[in-house]
Amino acid sequence: SKDSEDKAKKFKKYYPDDFARLIMVVSKSSTDAKTFCETLGIPVIYYEDLRIDFKAILGTHWEGK
């Protein structure tokens, strides 16, 4: 949303060091979230990849999957 984009821009402006460390976790199917992050230069990690990467550690405790 426009409100979220404005907040992220302010965060980038006023807290540039923290913003530089920001990584967003988004779904591969969420084109809006990917576009939002790309527009603001925020790197993304895909939720689906995290679920696969950590399945051995989390077992069935992560959302029962």
Foldseek 3Di string as FASTA:
>chain_A
DVVVLVVLVVCCVPPVVVQVVAEAEEAPPPPVVVVSCVVVVHHYDYPVVVCVVCCVVCPCVPVND
